[in-house]
Amino acid sequence: MDLRCPKCNSTDLKKVSLAHQEGRFRVDTRTRLHGVIVGEGGPDVVVGRATTRGIQQTELSKQLSPPAKWSYKKLVLWFAIVSFIALVVYVRSVMSGPVPASSLPVRLYAILAPAAFISMVAVFWRHNHSTYQRQYAQWNQSFICERCGVVSQQDSPGTSRL
């Protein structure tokens, strides 16, 4: 099967996943520092060490990154932050008011917050189990033209669309 670019008709296509991986470089460096410093307090010896680890990535590799799953940890963290802010606002409003505070806002929050959290968990679950898989499959079938840079989705040899 002959794969061609839809824009320039070139056969110089590369799988997007391969182009993405080729633009990522693992960095693992170590440095040491030895020295003598002379100052007002007299001479002193300085010894230091540093380690740098990480990944460097080209702009093209960043653009060709695969879709990401949504993090449930971030959902819980943001829910906790919003709950804390709501608590602070409620306490400040109660403390600043001269009349007895109403428990209606607390009751509403006790009902609405869990419902909102459960619905957000459902949205995240649906994205991670349906939308993400579809997007990843499309990304995995995409090719980039090395001549003009157009990204196109094509069936690769040995695979077929259903």
N, C-alpha and C. Protein backbone atom coordinates (compact mmCIF):
# COMPACT_ATOMS: atom_id res chain seq x y z
N MET A 1 0.85 -1.17 0.00
CA MET A 1 0.00 0.00 0.00
C MET A 1 0.89 1.24 0.00
N ASP A 2 0.60 2.17 -0.87
CA ASP A 2 1.40 3.37 -1.04
C ASP A 2 0.72 4.53 -0.32
N LEU A 3 1.37 5.08 0.73
CA LEU A 3 0.83 6.20 1.47
C LEU A 3 1.31 7.50 0.83
N ARG A 4 0.38 8.44 0.63
CA ARG A 4 0.72 9.71 0.00
C ARG A 4 0.16 10.86 0.80
N CYS A 5 0.87 11.98 0.77
CA CYS A 5 0.42 13.19 1.43
C CYS A 5 -0.76 13.76 0.65
N PRO A 6 -1.85 14.15 1.33
CA PRO A 6 -3.01 14.70 0.62
C PRO A 6 -2.75 16.10 0.05
N LYS A 7 -1.72 16.80 0.54
CA LYS A 7 -1.46 18.16 0.07
C LYS A 7 -0.46 18.18 -1.09
N CYS A 8 0.70 17.53 -0.90
CA CYS A 8 1.76 17.63 -1.92
C CYS A 8 2.00 16.33 -2.67
N ASN A 9 1.25 15.28 -2.35
CA ASN A 9 1.33 13.99 -3.01
C ASN A 9 2.68 13.29 -2.80
N SER A 10 3.41 13.67 -1.77
CA SER A 10 4.70 13.06 -1.46
C SER A 10 4.50 11.71 -0.79
N THR A 11 5.46 10.82 -1.00
CA THR A 11 5.42 9.51 -0.32
C THR A 11 6.35 9.51 0.89
N ASP A 12 6.91 10.67 1.22
CA ASP A 12 7.84 10.79 2.34
C ASP A 12 7.07 11.07 3.63
N LEU A 13 6.33 10.06 4.10
CA LEU A 13 5.51 10.19 5.30
C LEU A 13 6.15 9.44 6.46
N LYS A 14 5.94 9.98 7.66
CA LYS A 14 6.45 9.34 8.87
C LYS A 14 5.31 9.27 9.87
N LYS A 15 5.23 8.17 10.57
CA LYS A 15 4.19 7.99 11.57
C LYS A 15 4.37 9.06 12.66
N VAL A 16 3.26 9.67 13.09
CA VAL A 16 3.28 10.75 14.07
C VAL A 16 3.90 10.26 15.39
N SER A 17 3.60 9.06 15.81
CA SER A 17 4.15 8.54 17.06
C SER A 17 5.67 8.46 17.00
N LEU A 18 6.22 8.09 15.84
CA LEU A 18 7.66 8.01 15.67
C LEU A 18 8.28 9.41 15.66
N ALA A 19 7.66 10.36 14.96
CA ALA A 19 8.17 11.73 14.93
C ALA A 19 8.13 12.35 16.32
N HIS A 20 7.09 12.05 17.08
CA HIS A 20 6.99 12.54 18.45
C HIS A 20 8.13 11.98 19.31
N GLN A 21 8.38 10.70 19.21
CA GLN A 21 9.42 10.06 20.01
C GLN A 21 10.82 10.52 19.61
N GLU A 22 11.03 10.77 18.35
CA GLU A 22 12.34 11.22 17.89
C GLU A 22 12.69 12.61 18.40
N GLY A 23 11.69 13.40 18.76
CA GLY A 23 11.93 14.76 19.25
C GLY A 23 12.09 14.86 20.75
N ARG A 24 12.09 13.72 21.43
CA ARG A 24 12.24 13.70 22.89
C ARG A 24 13.62 13.17 23.25
N PHE A 25 14.30 13.88 24.14
CA PHE A 25 15.63 13.48 24.55
C PHE A 25 15.70 13.42 26.06
N ARG A 26 16.19 12.32 26.57
CA ARG A 26 16.33 12.14 28.02
C ARG A 26 17.62 12.84 28.47
N VAL A 27 17.52 13.61 29.53
CA VAL A 27 18.67 14.35 30.07
C VAL A 27 18.98 13.81 31.46
N ASP A 28 20.23 13.45 31.67
CA ASP A 28 20.68 12.97 32.96
C ASP A 28 22.13 13.43 33.14
N THR A 29 22.32 14.56 33.81
CA THR A 29 23.66 15.12 33.95
C THR A 29 24.01 15.30 35.42
N ARG A 30 25.31 15.26 35.69
CA ARG A 30 25.80 15.49 37.05
C ARG A 30 26.99 16.43 36.97
N THR A 31 27.06 17.34 37.91
CA THR A 31 28.18 18.27 37.96
C THR A 31 28.72 18.31 39.38
N ARG A 32 30.00 18.61 39.48
CA ARG A 32 30.64 18.77 40.78
C ARG A 32 31.38 20.09 40.81
N LEU A 33 31.45 20.68 41.99
CA LEU A 33 32.14 21.95 42.16
C LEU A 33 33.07 21.82 43.36
N HIS A 34 34.33 22.13 43.15
CA HIS A 34 35.32 22.17 44.23
C HIS A 34 36.01 23.51 44.12
N GLY A 35 36.23 24.15 45.24
CA GLY A 35 36.92 25.43 45.17
C GLY A 35 37.34 25.93 46.53
N VAL A 36 38.16 26.93 46.48
CA VAL A 36 38.63 27.59 47.69
C VAL A 36 38.23 29.05 47.58
N ILE A 37 37.64 29.56 48.64
CA ILE A 37 37.22 30.95 48.67
C ILE A 37 37.98 31.64 49.79
N VAL A 38 38.51 32.79 49.48
CA VAL A 38 39.21 33.58 50.49
C VAL A 38 38.41 34.86 50.69
N GLY A 39 38.05 35.11 51.94
CA GLY A 39 37.28 36.31 52.25
C GLY A 39 37.74 36.92 53.56
N GLU A 40 36.87 37.73 54.17
CA GLU A 40 37.21 38.39 55.43
C GLU A 40 37.47 37.39 56.54
N GLY A 41 36.72 36.31 56.55
CA GLY A 41 36.87 35.30 57.60
C GLY A 41 38.01 34.34 57.35
N GLY A 42 38.76 34.53 56.28
CA GLY A 42 39.87 33.64 55.96
C GLY A 42 39.48 32.68 54.85
N PRO A 43 40.37 31.75 54.53
CA PRO A 43 40.08 30.81 53.45
C PRO A 43 39.02 29.79 53.86
N ASP A 44 38.27 29.33 52.87
CA ASP A 44 37.24 28.33 53.10
C ASP A 44 37.15 27.43 51.89
N VAL A 45 36.77 26.20 52.11
CA VAL A 45 36.64 25.22 51.02
C VAL A 45 35.17 25.08 50.67
N VAL A 46 34.88 25.09 49.36
CA VAL A 46 33.50 24.93 48.88
C VAL A 46 33.44 23.64 48.07
N VAL A 47 32.48 22.80 48.40
CA VAL A 47 32.26 21.55 47.68
C VAL A 47 30.77 21.47 47.38
N GLY A 48 30.42 21.16 46.15
CA GLY A 48 29.02 21.05 45.78
C GLY A 48 28.79 20.04 44.69
N ARG A 49 27.57 19.59 44.59
CA ARG A 49 27.21 18.62 43.57
C ARG A 49 25.78 18.89 43.15
N ALA A 50 25.50 18.70 41.88
CA ALA A 50 24.14 18.90 41.37
C ALA A 50 23.81 17.82 40.35
N THR A 51 22.57 17.42 40.32
CA THR A 51 22.08 16.43 39.36
C THR A 51 20.88 17.01 38.64
N THR A 52 20.88 16.87 37.33
CA THR A 52 19.75 17.33 36.52
C THR A 52 19.19 16.15 35.75
N ARG A 53 17.91 15.94 35.88
CA ARG A 53 17.24 14.87 35.14
C ARG A 53 15.97 15.44 34.54
N GLY A 54 15.64 14.95 33.37
CA GLY A 54 14.41 15.40 32.75
C GLY A 54 14.36 15.02 31.30
N ILE A 55 13.46 15.66 30.58
CA ILE A 55 13.27 15.38 29.16
C ILE A 55 13.26 16.70 28.42
N GLN A 56 14.07 16.78 27.38
CA GLN A 56 14.02 17.92 26.47
C GLN A 56 13.17 17.49 25.29
N GLN A 57 12.41 18.43 24.75
CA GLN A 57 11.49 18.09 23.68
C GLN A 57 11.45 19.22 22.66
N THR A 58 11.47 18.86 21.39
CA THR A 58 11.39 19.85 20.33
C THR A 58 9.95 20.36 20.22
N GLU A 59 9.78 21.52 19.59
CA GLU A 59 8.44 22.07 19.40
C GLU A 59 7.56 21.14 18.57
N LEU A 60 8.13 20.55 17.53
CA LEU A 60 7.36 19.62 16.69
C LEU A 60 6.90 18.43 17.52
N SER A 61 7.77 17.92 18.36
CA SER A 61 7.40 16.79 19.20
C SER A 61 6.28 17.16 20.15
N LYS A 62 6.31 18.37 20.70
CA LYS A 62 5.23 18.82 21.58
C LYS A 62 3.91 18.91 20.82
N GLN A 63 3.96 19.41 19.59
CA GLN A 63 2.74 19.54 18.79
C GLN A 63 2.17 18.17 18.42
N LEU A 64 3.04 17.18 18.28
CA LEU A 64 2.60 15.84 17.88
C LEU A 64 2.37 14.92 19.07
N SER A 65 2.26 15.48 20.26
CA SER A 65 2.05 14.67 21.46
C SER A 65 0.73 13.92 21.39
N PRO A 66 0.70 12.73 21.98
CA PRO A 66 -0.55 11.98 22.01
C PRO A 66 -1.55 12.64 22.94
N PRO A 67 -2.84 12.34 22.77
CA PRO A 67 -3.83 12.89 23.69
C PRO A 67 -3.57 12.36 25.10
N ALA A 68 -4.01 13.09 26.09
CA ALA A 68 -3.76 12.71 27.48
C ALA A 68 -5.06 12.34 28.19
N LYS A 69 -4.93 11.38 29.10
CA LYS A 69 -6.06 11.07 29.96
C LYS A 69 -6.20 12.17 31.00
N TRP A 70 -7.40 12.38 31.48
CA TRP A 70 -7.65 13.37 32.51
C TRP A 70 -7.34 12.73 33.87
N SER A 71 -6.71 13.48 34.74
CA SER A 71 -6.26 12.97 36.03
C SER A 71 -7.36 13.07 37.09
N TYR A 72 -7.67 11.93 37.71
CA TYR A 72 -8.63 11.93 38.82
C TYR A 72 -8.03 12.62 40.04
N LYS A 73 -6.72 12.56 40.20
CA LYS A 73 -6.07 13.24 41.33
C LYS A 73 -6.28 14.75 41.24
N LYS A 74 -6.18 15.29 40.03
CA LYS A 74 -6.41 16.73 39.86
C LYS A 74 -7.86 17.09 40.16
N LEU A 75 -8.78 16.23 39.77
CA LEU A 75 -10.19 16.47 40.06
C LEU A 75 -10.42 16.55 41.56
N VAL A 76 -9.87 15.60 42.31
CA VAL A 76 -10.03 15.59 43.76
C VAL A 76 -9.36 16.82 44.37
N LEU A 77 -8.17 17.17 43.88
CA LEU A 77 -7.45 18.34 44.40
C LEU A 77 -8.26 19.62 44.17
N TRP A 78 -8.78 19.81 42.95
CA TRP A 78 -9.56 21.01 42.67
C TRP A 78 -10.85 21.04 43.47
N PHE A 79 -11.47 19.89 43.66
CA PHE A 79 -12.68 19.84 44.48
C PHE A 79 -12.37 20.24 45.92
N ALA A 80 -11.24 19.78 46.45
CA ALA A 80 -10.84 20.14 47.80
C ALA A 80 -10.55 21.63 47.91
N ILE A 81 -9.90 22.20 46.91
CA ILE A 81 -9.59 23.63 46.93
C ILE A 81 -10.87 24.46 46.89
N VAL A 82 -11.79 24.10 46.00
CA VAL A 82 -13.06 24.83 45.90
C VAL A 82 -13.86 24.69 47.21
N SER A 83 -13.85 23.50 47.81
CA SER A 83 -14.56 23.30 49.07
C SER A 83 -13.96 24.16 50.17
N PHE A 84 -12.63 24.24 50.22
CA PHE A 84 -11.97 25.06 51.23
C PHE A 84 -12.31 26.53 51.05
N ILE A 85 -12.30 26.99 49.81
CA ILE A 85 -12.64 28.39 49.53
C ILE A 85 -14.09 28.67 49.93
N ALA A 86 -14.99 27.74 49.62
CA ALA A 86 -16.40 27.92 50.00
C ALA A 86 -16.54 27.97 51.52
N LEU A 87 -15.79 27.14 52.22
CA LEU A 87 -15.82 27.16 53.68
C LEU A 87 -15.32 28.49 54.23
N VAL A 88 -14.23 29.00 53.69
CA VAL A 88 -13.67 30.28 54.14
C VAL A 88 -14.67 31.41 53.89
N VAL A 89 -15.28 31.43 52.72
CA VAL A 89 -16.26 32.47 52.40
C VAL A 89 -17.44 32.40 53.36
N TYR A 90 -17.92 31.20 53.64
CA TYR A 90 -19.06 31.05 54.55
C TYR A 90 -18.69 31.50 55.96
N VAL A 91 -17.54 31.09 56.44
CA VAL A 91 -17.13 31.46 57.80
C VAL A 91 -16.94 32.97 57.90
N ARG A 92 -16.35 33.59 56.90
CA ARG A 92 -16.17 35.05 56.92
C ARG A 92 -17.52 35.77 56.92
N SER A 93 -18.47 35.25 56.13
CA SER A 93 -19.78 35.90 56.10
C SER A 93 -20.51 35.73 57.42
N VAL A 94 -20.35 34.59 58.07
CA VAL A 94 -20.99 34.36 59.37
C VAL A 94 -20.36 35.24 60.43
N MET A 95 -19.04 35.34 60.40
CA MET A 95 -18.34 36.12 61.41
C MET A 95 -18.58 37.63 61.26
N SER A 96 -18.83 38.08 60.04
CA SER A 96 -19.02 39.52 59.83
C SER A 96 -20.47 39.96 60.06
N GLY A 97 -21.40 39.04 60.08
CA GLY A 97 -22.81 39.40 60.26
C GLY A 97 -23.19 39.45 61.73
N PRO A 98 -24.00 40.47 62.11
CA PRO A 98 -24.41 40.59 63.52
C PRO A 98 -25.56 39.65 63.90
N VAL A 99 -26.32 39.21 62.92
CA VAL A 99 -27.47 38.37 63.22
C VAL A 99 -27.06 36.90 63.18
N PRO A 100 -27.86 36.01 63.78
CA PRO A 100 -27.53 34.58 63.72
C PRO A 100 -27.46 34.10 62.27
N ALA A 101 -26.50 33.25 62.00
CA ALA A 101 -26.27 32.78 60.64
C ALA A 101 -27.28 31.71 60.24
N SER A 102 -27.62 31.71 58.96
CA SER A 102 -28.53 30.72 58.42
C SER A 102 -27.74 29.46 58.05
N SER A 103 -28.35 28.33 58.26
CA SER A 103 -27.69 27.07 57.90
C SER A 103 -28.05 26.63 56.47
N LEU A 104 -28.85 27.43 55.78
CA LEU A 104 -29.26 27.10 54.41
C LEU A 104 -28.07 26.93 53.46
N PRO A 105 -27.07 27.84 53.47
CA PRO A 105 -25.94 27.63 52.56
C PRO A 105 -25.19 26.31 52.82
N VAL A 106 -25.07 25.92 54.08
CA VAL A 106 -24.38 24.67 54.41
C VAL A 106 -25.20 23.48 53.92
N ARG A 107 -26.49 23.54 54.09
CA ARG A 107 -27.36 22.44 53.61
C ARG A 107 -27.31 22.33 52.09
N LEU A 108 -27.37 23.48 51.41
CA LEU A 108 -27.29 23.45 49.94
C LEU A 108 -25.96 22.87 49.48
N TYR A 109 -24.88 23.29 50.14
CA TYR A 109 -23.56 22.77 49.77
C TYR A 109 -23.47 21.26 50.03
N ALA A 110 -24.05 20.82 51.14
CA ALA A 110 -24.01 19.39 51.47
C ALA A 110 -24.77 18.55 50.43
N ILE A 111 -25.73 19.15 49.77
CA ILE A 111 -26.50 18.43 48.74
C ILE A 111 -25.86 18.59 47.37
N LEU A 112 -25.49 19.82 47.02
CA LEU A 112 -25.00 20.11 45.66
C LEU A 112 -23.56 19.69 45.42
N ALA A 113 -22.70 19.81 46.42
CA ALA A 113 -21.28 19.49 46.22
C ALA A 113 -21.06 18.01 45.88
N PRO A 114 -21.63 17.07 46.63
CA PRO A 114 -21.43 15.66 46.24
C PRO A 114 -22.04 15.34 44.86
N ALA A 115 -23.19 15.96 44.56
CA ALA A 115 -23.80 15.73 43.24
C ALA A 115 -22.89 16.25 42.13
N ALA A 116 -22.33 17.44 42.33
CA ALA A 116 -21.41 18.00 41.33
C ALA A 116 -20.16 17.14 41.22
N PHE A 117 -19.62 16.67 42.34
CA PHE A 117 -18.42 15.84 42.32
C PHE A 117 -18.69 14.53 41.59
N ILE A 118 -19.80 13.89 41.88
CA ILE A 118 -20.13 12.62 41.21
C ILE A 118 -20.33 12.83 39.72
N SER A 119 -20.98 13.92 39.33
CA SER A 119 -21.16 14.17 37.89
C SER A 119 -19.82 14.46 37.21
N MET A 120 -18.90 15.15 37.89
CA MET A 120 -17.56 15.39 37.31
C MET A 120 -16.77 14.10 37.19
N VAL A 121 -16.89 13.22 38.17
CA VAL A 121 -16.23 11.91 38.07
C VAL A 121 -16.78 11.15 36.87
N ALA A 122 -18.08 11.23 36.65
CA ALA A 122 -18.68 10.56 35.49
C ALA A 122 -18.16 11.15 34.18
N VAL A 123 -18.02 12.47 34.12
CA VAL A 123 -17.48 13.12 32.91
C VAL A 123 -16.04 12.69 32.68
N PHE A 124 -15.23 12.66 33.74
CA PHE A 124 -13.83 12.23 33.61
C PHE A 124 -13.76 10.78 33.16
N TRP A 125 -14.60 9.92 33.78
CA TRP A 125 -14.60 8.49 33.42
C TRP A 125 -14.97 8.32 31.95
N ARG A 126 -15.98 9.05 31.50
CA ARG A 126 -16.40 8.94 30.10
C ARG A 126 -15.28 9.39 29.16
N HIS A 127 -14.60 10.48 29.49
CA HIS A 127 -13.50 10.95 28.66
C HIS A 127 -12.39 9.90 28.60
N ASN A 128 -11.99 9.37 29.77
CA ASN A 128 -10.87 8.43 29.82
C ASN A 128 -11.19 7.08 29.21
N HIS A 129 -12.44 6.69 29.16
CA HIS A 129 -12.79 5.37 28.64
C HIS A 129 -13.43 5.39 27.26
N SER A 130 -13.76 6.56 26.76
CA SER A 130 -14.39 6.63 25.44
C SER A 130 -13.67 7.62 24.54
N THR A 131 -13.73 8.88 24.90
CA THR A 131 -13.15 9.94 24.07
C THR A 131 -11.65 9.77 23.91
N TYR A 132 -10.95 9.51 25.02
CA TYR A 132 -9.49 9.35 24.97
C TYR A 132 -9.10 8.21 24.05
N GLN A 133 -9.77 7.07 24.15
CA GLN A 133 -9.42 5.92 23.31
C GLN A 133 -9.62 6.23 21.83
N ARG A 134 -10.69 6.94 21.51
CA ARG A 134 -10.94 7.32 20.11
C ARG A 134 -9.86 8.29 19.61
N GLN A 135 -9.53 9.29 20.44
CA GLN A 135 -8.50 10.25 20.06
C GLN A 135 -7.14 9.58 19.92
N TYR A 136 -6.83 8.64 20.80
CA TYR A 136 -5.54 7.94 20.73
C TYR A 136 -5.47 7.07 19.48
N ALA A 137 -6.56 6.43 19.13
CA ALA A 137 -6.58 5.62 17.91
C ALA A 137 -6.36 6.50 16.67
N GLN A 138 -6.99 7.67 16.64
CA GLN A 138 -6.78 8.60 15.52
C GLN A 138 -5.34 9.08 15.49
N TRP A 139 -4.77 9.41 16.64
CA TRP A 139 -3.37 9.86 16.72
C TRP A 139 -2.44 8.75 16.23
N ASN A 140 -2.75 7.53 16.61
CA ASN A 140 -1.89 6.40 16.26
C ASN A 140 -1.95 6.07 14.76
N GLN A 141 -2.99 6.52 14.07
CA GLN A 141 -3.10 6.28 12.62
C GLN A 141 -2.70 7.50 11.81
N SER A 142 -2.13 8.51 12.47
CA SER A 142 -1.76 9.74 11.77
C SER A 142 -0.32 9.68 11.28
N PHE A 143 -0.09 10.37 10.16
CA PHE A 143 1.23 10.48 9.56
C PHE A 143 1.53 11.94 9.30
N ILE A 144 2.83 12.28 9.34
CA ILE A 144 3.26 13.64 9.02
C ILE A 144 4.10 13.58 7.76
N CYS A 145 3.83 14.51 6.85
CA CYS A 145 4.60 14.60 5.62
C CYS A 145 5.91 15.31 5.94
N GLU A 146 7.03 14.69 5.62
CA GLU A 146 8.33 15.29 5.91
C GLU A 146 8.71 16.35 4.88
N ARG A 147 7.92 16.49 3.84
CA ARG A 147 8.19 17.53 2.85
C ARG A 147 7.44 18.81 3.17
N CYS A 148 6.10 18.71 3.40
CA CYS A 148 5.32 19.93 3.62
C CYS A 148 4.82 20.08 5.06
N GLY A 149 4.91 19.04 5.89
CA GLY A 149 4.55 19.14 7.30
C GLY A 149 3.08 18.92 7.61
N VAL A 150 2.29 18.49 6.65
CA VAL A 150 0.87 18.25 6.87
C VAL A 150 0.68 16.94 7.62
N VAL A 151 -0.17 16.98 8.65
CA VAL A 151 -0.51 15.78 9.39
C VAL A 151 -1.82 15.24 8.83
N SER A 152 -1.80 13.96 8.44
CA SER A 152 -3.01 13.36 7.88
C SER A 152 -3.24 12.01 8.52
N GLN A 153 -4.48 11.61 8.55
CA GLN A 153 -4.83 10.31 9.11
C GLN A 153 -5.02 9.33 7.96
N GLN A 154 -4.27 8.25 8.01
CA GLN A 154 -4.33 7.25 6.95
C GLN A 154 -4.23 5.87 7.57
N ASP A 155 -4.72 4.89 6.86
CA ASP A 155 -4.54 3.52 7.28
C ASP A 155 -3.10 3.13 7.00
N SER A 156 -2.42 2.64 8.03
CA SER A 156 -1.05 2.18 7.81
C SER A 156 -1.09 0.78 7.25
N PRO A 157 -0.03 0.35 6.58
CA PRO A 157 0.00 -0.99 6.02
C PRO A 157 -0.19 -2.03 7.14
N GLY A 158 -1.04 -3.00 6.87
CA GLY A 158 -1.28 -4.06 7.85
C GLY A 158 -2.43 -3.76 8.78
N THR A 159 -3.00 -2.56 8.71
CA THR A 159 -4.17 -2.25 9.54
C THR A 159 -5.32 -1.86 8.64
N SER A 160 -6.50 -2.00 9.17
CA SER A 160 -7.67 -1.60 8.39
C SER A 160 -8.67 -0.94 9.32
N ARG A 161 -9.44 -0.04 8.78
CA ARG A 161 -10.49 0.62 9.55
C ARG A 161 -11.73 -0.23 9.52
N LEU A 162 -12.43 -0.21 10.65
CA LEU A 162 -13.69 -0.95 10.74
C LEU A 162 -14.85 -0.01 10.61
